[in-house]
Amino acid sequence: FCSVDAVRIFILYDLYVDANGRNKGTGALLMNRAAEYARRQGAARLDLLTAKDNFAGQHLYEKLGYKKANEGFYAYSLDT
């Protein structure tokens, strides 16, 4: 749930395509399936994070219509 927008969101945490499946549309297929699943479950948005140097991933996400968001925020994590 996104408390800022007051909507249900899904977060794609990891996406990995084996080297043998790259440049064959596998990443796009997986991303589209994730988006379809999120829509069917009533999510208003599908969010993800990517490394600043993951240019291949950024190219894919932008090609699929994802927009950069929240550039003013930092991501934090605490191992427990």
C-alpha atoms as a PDB file:
ATOM      1  CA  PHE A   1       0.000   0.000   0.000  1.00  0.00           C
ATOM      2  CA  CYS A   2       1.334   3.427  -0.919  1.00  0.00           C
ATOM      3  CA  SER A   3       0.436   5.801   1.896  1.00  0.00           C
ATOM      4  CA  VAL A   4       1.396   8.856  -0.177  1.00  0.00           C
ATOM      5  CA  ASP A   5      -1.080   8.112  -2.984  1.00  0.00           C
ATOM      6  CA  ALA A   6      -3.452   6.000  -0.851  1.00  0.00           C
ATOM      7  CA  VAL A   7      -3.496   3.179  -3.416  1.00  0.00           C
ATOM      8  CA  ARG A   8      -2.530  -0.478  -3.599  1.00  0.00           C
ATOM      9  CA  ILE A   9       0.802  -0.982  -5.342  1.00  0.00           C
ATOM     10  CA  PHE A  10       2.944  -3.956  -6.241  1.00  0.00           C
ATOM     11  CA  ILE A  11       6.730  -3.874  -5.988  1.00  0.00           C
ATOM     12  CA  LEU A  12       8.892  -5.923  -8.307  1.00  0.00           C
ATOM     13  CA  TYR A  13      11.885  -6.726  -6.150  1.00  0.00           C
ATOM     14  CA  ASP A  14      14.112  -8.779  -8.440  1.00  0.00           C
ATOM     15  CA  LEU A  15      14.184  -9.660 -12.113  1.00  0.00           C
ATOM     16  CA  TYR A  16      16.987 -11.748 -13.511  1.00  0.00           C
ATOM     17  CA  VAL A  17      17.251 -13.145 -17.012  1.00  0.00           C
ATOM     18  CA  ASP A  18      19.870 -15.826 -17.594  1.00  0.00           C
ATOM     19  CA  ALA A  19      22.461 -14.914 -20.202  1.00  0.00           C
ATOM     20  CA  ASN A  20      20.967 -17.497 -22.612  1.00  0.00           C
ATOM     21  CA  GLY A  21      17.596 -15.718 -22.505  1.00  0.00           C
ATOM     22  CA  ARG A  22      18.839 -12.182 -23.008  1.00  0.00           C
ATOM     23  CA  ASN A  23      18.127 -10.165 -26.146  1.00  0.00           C
ATOM     24  CA  LYS A  24      15.289 -12.530 -27.039  1.00  0.00           C
ATOM     25  CA  GLY A  25      12.388 -10.649 -25.462  1.00  0.00           C
ATOM     26  CA  THR A  26      12.453 -12.663 -22.244  1.00  0.00           C
ATOM     27  CA  GLY A  27      12.817  -9.620 -19.975  1.00  0.00           C
ATOM     28  CA  ALA A  28       9.965  -7.806 -21.697  1.00  0.00           C
ATOM     29  CA  LEU A  29       7.769 -10.892 -21.478  1.00  0.00           C
ATOM     30  CA  LEU A  30       8.440 -11.240 -17.739  1.00  0.00           C
ATOM     31  CA  MET A  31       7.834  -7.538 -17.109  1.00  0.00           C
ATOM     32  CA  ASN A  32       4.579  -7.588 -19.064  1.00  0.00           C
ATOM     33  CA  ARG A  33       3.387 -10.666 -17.174  1.00  0.00           C
ATOM     34  CA  ALA A  34       4.191  -8.960 -13.863  1.00  0.00           C
ATOM     35  CA  ALA A  35       2.234  -5.871 -14.931  1.00  0.00           C
ATOM     36  CA  GLU A  36      -0.739  -7.994 -16.035  1.00  0.00           C
ATOM     37  CA  TYR A  37      -0.724  -9.834 -12.707  1.00  0.00           C
ATOM     38  CA  ALA A  38      -0.594  -6.552 -10.772  1.00  0.00           C
ATOM     39  CA  ARG A  39      -3.557  -5.185 -12.765  1.00  0.00           C
ATOM     40  CA  ARG A  40      -5.608  -8.341 -12.198  1.00  0.00           C
ATOM     41  CA  GLN A  41      -4.941  -8.059  -8.466  1.00  0.00           C
ATOM     42  CA  GLY A  42      -6.176  -4.454  -8.390  1.00  0.00           C
ATOM     43  CA  ALA A  43      -2.841  -2.688  -8.034  1.00  0.00           C
ATOM     44  CA  ALA A  44      -2.766   0.923  -9.171  1.00  0.00           C
ATOM     45  CA  ARG A  45       0.937   0.795  -9.901  1.00  0.00           C
ATOM     46  CA  LEU A  46       3.933  -1.515 -10.261  1.00  0.00           C
ATOM     47  CA  ASP A  47       7.128  -0.072  -8.782  1.00  0.00           C
ATOM     48  CA  LEU A  48      10.729  -1.229  -9.035  1.00  0.00           C
ATOM     49  CA  LEU A  49      14.229  -0.076  -8.197  1.00  0.00           C
ATOM     50  CA  THR A  50      17.296  -0.559 -10.349  1.00  0.00           C
ATOM     51  CA  ALA A  51      20.976   0.136  -9.967  1.00  0.00           C
ATOM     52  CA  LYS A  52      22.122   3.444 -11.406  1.00  0.00           C
ATOM     53  CA  ASP A  53      24.528   1.585 -13.690  1.00  0.00           C
ATOM     54  CA  ASN A  54      21.996  -1.006 -14.921  1.00  0.00           C
ATOM     55  CA  PHE A  55      21.621   0.626 -18.313  1.00  0.00           C
ATOM     56  CA  ALA A  56      20.203  -2.476 -20.012  1.00  0.00           C
ATOM     57  CA  GLY A  57      17.459  -2.739 -17.384  1.00  0.00           C
ATOM     58  CA  GLN A  58      16.703   0.980 -17.554  1.00  0.00           C
ATOM     59  CA  HIS A  59      16.421   0.770 -21.328  1.00  0.00           C
ATOM     60  CA  LEU A  60      13.970  -2.125 -21.034  1.00  0.00           C
ATOM     61  CA  TYR A  61      11.836  -0.437 -18.370  1.00  0.00           C
ATOM     62  CA  GLU A  62      11.633   2.832 -20.277  1.00  0.00           C
ATOM     63  CA  LYS A  63      10.852   0.989 -23.518  1.00  0.00           C
ATOM     64  CA  LEU A  64       7.926  -0.643 -21.698  1.00  0.00           C
ATOM     65  CA  GLY A  65       6.598   2.722 -20.508  1.00  0.00           C
ATOM     66  CA  TYR A  66       8.028   2.911 -16.976  1.00  0.00           C
ATOM     67  CA  LYS A  67       8.887   6.428 -15.816  1.00  0.00           C
ATOM     68  CA  LYS A  68      11.620   7.425 -13.371  1.00  0.00           C
ATOM     69  CA  ALA A  69      10.039   8.458 -10.081  1.00  0.00           C
ATOM     70  CA  ASN A  70      11.037   9.506  -6.585  1.00  0.00           C
ATOM     71  CA  GLU A  71      14.514  10.673  -7.508  1.00  0.00           C
ATOM     72  CA  GLY A  72      14.468  12.750  -4.334  1.00  0.00           C
ATOM     73  CA  PHE A  73      14.278   9.671  -2.097  1.00  0.00           C
ATOM     74  CA  TYR A  74      16.916   7.280  -0.798  1.00  0.00           C
ATOM     75  CA  ALA A  75      16.365   3.565  -0.303  1.00  0.00           C
ATOM     76  CA  TYR A  76      17.305   2.177   3.122  1.00  0.00           C
ATOM     77  CA  SER A  77      17.545  -1.358   4.454  1.00  0.00           C
ATOM     78  CA  LEU A  78      18.240  -2.906   7.845  1.00  0.00           C
ATOM     79  CA  ASP A  79      19.331  -6.513   8.185  1.00  0.00           C
ATOM     80  CA  THR A  80      17.750  -8.131  11.236  1.00  0.00           C
END
